[in-house]
Amino acid sequence: MKKKKAIRKCIVTGEAKEKKELIRIVRDPDGNVFVDHTGKKNGRGAYLTNDEQCFLEAKKKDALSRHLNIQVSPEDYERLLEERKKGTKK
């Protein structure tokens, strides 16, 4: 029997994609927001399509603040964009 693929929805585009095609952004219990490259960190997570345009759209709409129930600053969005570029899934 084939293993089911994990499907998640991008909070900006609303598209359902395989988990590995998306980037998970996490708010940990201390209120820190960061890119979760493992997809397994503790905390409230939101998924974004792994491309710069999607991140910029999320920043414009402030989508992460809504989904993570915390105020995400423009600086945080810039940092997350940098983390996305640096990180590759292992």
N, C-alpha and C. Protein backbone atom coordinates (compact mmCIF):
# COMPACT_ATOMS: atom_id res chain seq x y z
N MET A 1 0.83 -1.19 0.00
CA MET A 1 0.00 0.00 0.00
C MET A 1 0.87 1.25 0.00
N LYS A 2 0.51 2.19 -0.87
CA LYS A 2 1.30 3.42 -0.96
C LYS A 2 1.01 4.34 0.22
N LYS A 3 2.06 5.01 0.69
CA LYS A 3 1.91 5.95 1.80
C LYS A 3 1.24 7.22 1.29
N LYS A 4 0.29 7.75 2.08
CA LYS A 4 -0.38 8.98 1.68
C LYS A 4 0.56 10.16 1.82
N LYS A 5 0.50 11.09 0.85
CA LYS A 5 1.33 12.28 0.92
C LYS A 5 0.63 13.32 1.78
N ALA A 6 1.42 14.05 2.57
CA ALA A 6 0.87 15.09 3.44
C ALA A 6 0.53 16.31 2.59
N ILE A 7 -0.74 16.71 2.62
CA ILE A 7 -1.19 17.87 1.86
C ILE A 7 -1.47 19.01 2.84
N ARG A 8 -0.96 20.19 2.52
CA ARG A 8 -1.22 21.37 3.34
C ARG A 8 -1.66 22.50 2.42
N LYS A 9 -2.29 23.51 3.01
CA LYS A 9 -2.81 24.63 2.22
C LYS A 9 -2.01 25.90 2.48
N CYS A 10 -1.63 26.57 1.41
CA CYS A 10 -0.92 27.85 1.52
C CYS A 10 -1.90 28.90 2.03
N ILE A 11 -1.48 29.68 3.05
CA ILE A 11 -2.39 30.67 3.63
C ILE A 11 -2.58 31.89 2.74
N VAL A 12 -1.73 32.06 1.73
CA VAL A 12 -1.86 33.21 0.82
C VAL A 12 -2.66 32.84 -0.43
N THR A 13 -2.23 31.76 -1.10
CA THR A 13 -2.88 31.40 -2.37
C THR A 13 -4.10 30.51 -2.17
N GLY A 14 -4.15 29.81 -1.03
CA GLY A 14 -5.25 28.89 -0.79
C GLY A 14 -5.10 27.57 -1.52
N GLU A 15 -3.95 27.38 -2.19
CA GLU A 15 -3.73 26.15 -2.95
C GLU A 15 -3.30 25.02 -2.01
N ALA A 16 -3.85 23.85 -2.22
CA ALA A 16 -3.43 22.67 -1.47
C ALA A 16 -2.27 22.04 -2.21
N LYS A 17 -1.15 21.86 -1.51
CA LYS A 17 0.04 21.29 -2.13
C LYS A 17 0.65 20.27 -1.19
N GLU A 18 1.60 19.50 -1.73
CA GLU A 18 2.33 18.58 -0.88
C GLU A 18 3.13 19.38 0.13
N LYS A 19 3.24 18.84 1.33
CA LYS A 19 3.94 19.53 2.42
C LYS A 19 5.35 19.96 2.01
N LYS A 20 6.04 19.12 1.24
CA LYS A 20 7.43 19.45 0.89
C LYS A 20 7.54 20.63 -0.09
N GLU A 21 6.45 21.03 -0.72
CA GLU A 21 6.48 22.17 -1.65
C GLU A 21 6.23 23.50 -0.92
N LEU A 22 5.89 23.39 0.37
CA LEU A 22 5.55 24.58 1.14
C LEU A 22 6.61 24.83 2.22
N ILE A 23 6.63 26.05 2.73
CA ILE A 23 7.50 26.42 3.84
C ILE A 23 6.62 26.60 5.07
N ARG A 24 7.03 26.02 6.19
CA ARG A 24 6.25 26.15 7.43
C ARG A 24 6.84 27.28 8.27
N ILE A 25 5.99 28.20 8.65
CA ILE A 25 6.36 29.28 9.56
C ILE A 25 5.74 28.94 10.91
N VAL A 26 6.51 29.05 11.98
CA VAL A 26 6.06 28.62 13.30
C VAL A 26 6.14 29.76 14.31
N ARG A 27 5.12 29.82 15.17
CA ARG A 27 5.20 30.67 16.37
C ARG A 27 5.36 29.72 17.54
N ASP A 28 6.50 29.81 18.22
CA ASP A 28 6.72 28.91 19.36
C ASP A 28 6.01 29.44 20.61
N PRO A 29 5.97 28.65 21.69
CA PRO A 29 5.25 29.08 22.89
C PRO A 29 5.75 30.40 23.48
N ASP A 30 7.00 30.79 23.17
CA ASP A 30 7.56 32.06 23.67
C ASP A 30 7.19 33.25 22.79
N GLY A 31 6.51 33.00 21.66
CA GLY A 31 6.10 34.08 20.78
C GLY A 31 7.09 34.41 19.68
N ASN A 32 8.13 33.59 19.51
CA ASN A 32 9.10 33.81 18.43
C ASN A 32 8.55 33.21 17.14
N VAL A 33 8.79 33.93 16.03
CA VAL A 33 8.32 33.46 14.73
C VAL A 33 9.54 33.14 13.87
N PHE A 34 9.54 31.95 13.26
CA PHE A 34 10.69 31.54 12.46
C PHE A 34 10.28 30.51 11.41
N VAL A 35 11.19 30.28 10.45
CA VAL A 35 10.97 29.27 9.41
C VAL A 35 11.36 27.92 9.99
N ASP A 36 10.46 26.96 9.87
CA ASP A 36 10.71 25.60 10.36
C ASP A 36 11.05 24.71 9.16
N HIS A 37 12.35 24.52 8.94
CA HIS A 37 12.77 23.73 7.78
C HIS A 37 12.52 22.24 7.97
N THR A 38 12.40 21.79 9.22
CA THR A 38 12.17 20.37 9.47
C THR A 38 10.69 20.03 9.34
N GLY A 39 9.82 21.03 9.58
CA GLY A 39 8.38 20.77 9.55
C GLY A 39 7.87 20.06 10.78
N LYS A 40 8.72 19.99 11.83
CA LYS A 40 8.34 19.22 13.01
C LYS A 40 8.45 20.00 14.32
N LYS A 41 8.82 21.26 14.26
CA LYS A 41 9.00 22.05 15.49
C LYS A 41 7.67 22.26 16.20
N ASN A 42 7.74 22.43 17.51
CA ASN A 42 6.56 22.69 18.32
C ASN A 42 6.06 24.11 18.11
N GLY A 43 4.76 24.28 18.13
CA GLY A 43 4.18 25.61 18.02
C GLY A 43 3.12 25.67 16.96
N ARG A 44 2.51 26.83 16.86
CA ARG A 44 1.47 27.05 15.87
C ARG A 44 2.11 27.30 14.52
N GLY A 45 1.69 26.56 13.51
CA GLY A 45 2.32 26.67 12.20
C GLY A 45 1.37 27.18 11.13
N ALA A 46 1.96 27.81 10.12
CA ALA A 46 1.23 28.25 8.93
C ALA A 46 2.12 27.92 7.73
N TYR A 47 1.49 27.58 6.62
CA TYR A 47 2.25 27.18 5.44
C TYR A 47 2.16 28.23 4.34
N LEU A 48 3.32 28.48 3.70
CA LEU A 48 3.38 29.40 2.56
C LEU A 48 4.02 28.66 1.39
N THR A 49 3.55 28.98 0.18
CA THR A 49 4.18 28.45 -1.01
C THR A 49 5.63 28.93 -1.02
N ASN A 50 6.55 28.05 -1.38
CA ASN A 50 7.98 28.37 -1.30
C ASN A 50 8.43 29.24 -2.47
N ASP A 51 7.92 30.47 -2.55
CA ASP A 51 8.49 31.42 -3.51
C ASP A 51 8.37 32.84 -2.96
N GLU A 52 9.27 33.68 -3.42
CA GLU A 52 9.40 35.03 -2.87
C GLU A 52 8.12 35.84 -3.03
N GLN A 53 7.46 35.68 -4.17
CA GLN A 53 6.23 36.44 -4.44
C GLN A 53 5.17 36.14 -3.39
N CYS A 54 5.07 34.90 -3.01
CA CYS A 54 4.09 34.49 -2.00
C CYS A 54 4.41 35.13 -0.65
N PHE A 55 5.70 35.18 -0.29
CA PHE A 55 6.11 35.81 0.96
C PHE A 55 5.79 37.30 0.95
N LEU A 56 6.03 37.96 -0.19
CA LEU A 56 5.74 39.40 -0.29
C LEU A 56 4.25 39.66 -0.18
N GLU A 57 3.45 38.78 -0.76
CA GLU A 57 1.99 38.90 -0.68
C GLU A 57 1.52 38.70 0.77
N ALA A 58 2.13 37.74 1.46
CA ALA A 58 1.80 37.50 2.87
C ALA A 58 2.13 38.74 3.70
N LYS A 59 3.24 39.38 3.38
CA LYS A 59 3.65 40.60 4.10
C LYS A 59 2.64 41.72 3.84
N LYS A 60 2.25 41.86 2.57
CA LYS A 60 1.29 42.92 2.20
C LYS A 60 -0.04 42.74 2.92
N LYS A 61 -0.52 41.50 2.96
CA LYS A 61 -1.81 41.21 3.59
C LYS A 61 -1.69 40.97 5.09
N ASP A 62 -0.44 40.91 5.59
CA ASP A 62 -0.16 40.57 6.98
C ASP A 62 -0.84 39.25 7.36
N ALA A 63 -0.74 38.28 6.48
CA ALA A 63 -1.43 37.00 6.65
C ALA A 63 -0.90 36.20 7.84
N LEU A 64 0.40 36.29 8.11
CA LEU A 64 0.96 35.50 9.20
C LEU A 64 0.45 35.96 10.56
N SER A 65 0.25 37.26 10.73
CA SER A 65 -0.28 37.77 12.01
C SER A 65 -1.63 37.14 12.31
N ARG A 66 -2.48 37.04 11.28
CA ARG A 66 -3.81 36.45 11.45
C ARG A 66 -3.73 34.97 11.80
N HIS A 67 -2.90 34.24 11.06
CA HIS A 67 -2.85 32.78 11.22
C HIS A 67 -2.08 32.32 12.45
N LEU A 68 -1.11 33.11 12.87
CA LEU A 68 -0.29 32.70 14.02
C LEU A 68 -0.75 33.37 15.32
N ASN A 69 -1.78 34.19 15.22
CA ASN A 69 -2.33 34.87 16.40
C ASN A 69 -1.28 35.67 17.17
N ILE A 70 -0.43 36.39 16.44
CA ILE A 70 0.60 37.22 17.04
C ILE A 70 0.92 38.33 16.04
N GLN A 71 1.39 39.48 16.53
CA GLN A 71 1.73 40.57 15.60
C GLN A 71 3.09 40.27 14.96
N VAL A 72 3.08 40.12 13.63
CA VAL A 72 4.32 39.87 12.90
C VAL A 72 4.72 41.18 12.23
N SER A 73 5.89 41.70 12.59
CA SER A 73 6.34 43.00 12.08
C SER A 73 6.90 42.88 10.67
N PRO A 74 6.95 44.02 9.94
CA PRO A 74 7.58 43.99 8.60
C PRO A 74 9.02 43.47 8.66
N GLU A 75 9.73 43.78 9.75
CA GLU A 75 11.10 43.28 9.91
C GLU A 75 11.11 41.76 10.01
N ASP A 76 10.11 41.23 10.74
CA ASP A 76 10.00 39.77 10.85
C ASP A 76 9.79 39.14 9.47
N TYR A 77 8.94 39.77 8.66
CA TYR A 77 8.70 39.23 7.31
C TYR A 77 10.00 39.21 6.50
N GLU A 78 10.79 40.30 6.62
CA GLU A 78 12.07 40.36 5.89
C GLU A 78 13.01 39.24 6.37
N ARG A 79 13.07 39.05 7.68
CA ARG A 79 13.93 38.01 8.26
C ARG A 79 13.48 36.63 7.79
N LEU A 80 12.16 36.41 7.79
CA LEU A 80 11.63 35.11 7.34
C LEU A 80 11.97 34.86 5.87
N LEU A 81 11.92 35.92 5.08
CA LEU A 81 12.26 35.80 3.65
C LEU A 81 13.72 35.39 3.51
N GLU A 82 14.60 36.00 4.32
CA GLU A 82 16.02 35.63 4.29
C GLU A 82 16.22 34.18 4.75
N GLU A 83 15.52 33.79 5.82
CA GLU A 83 15.62 32.41 6.33
C GLU A 83 15.16 31.42 5.26
N ARG A 84 14.12 31.80 4.51
CA ARG A 84 13.62 30.91 3.45
C ARG A 84 14.69 30.69 2.39
N LYS A 85 15.38 31.79 2.01
CA LYS A 85 16.41 31.69 0.98
C LYS A 85 17.58 30.83 1.44
N LYS A 86 17.95 30.98 2.70
CA LYS A 86 19.11 30.24 3.23
C LYS A 86 18.80 28.77 3.41
N GLY A 87 17.61 28.50 3.92
CA GLY A 87 17.28 27.13 4.32
C GLY A 87 16.91 26.23 3.17
N THR A 88 17.36 25.03 3.27
CA THR A 88 16.90 24.01 2.33
C THR A 88 16.44 22.84 3.18
N LYS A 89 15.44 22.17 2.72
CA LYS A 89 14.95 21.01 3.49
C LYS A 89 16.00 19.92 3.43
N LYS A 90 16.21 19.36 4.60
CA LYS A 90 17.23 18.31 4.68
C LYS A 90 16.64 16.98 4.30
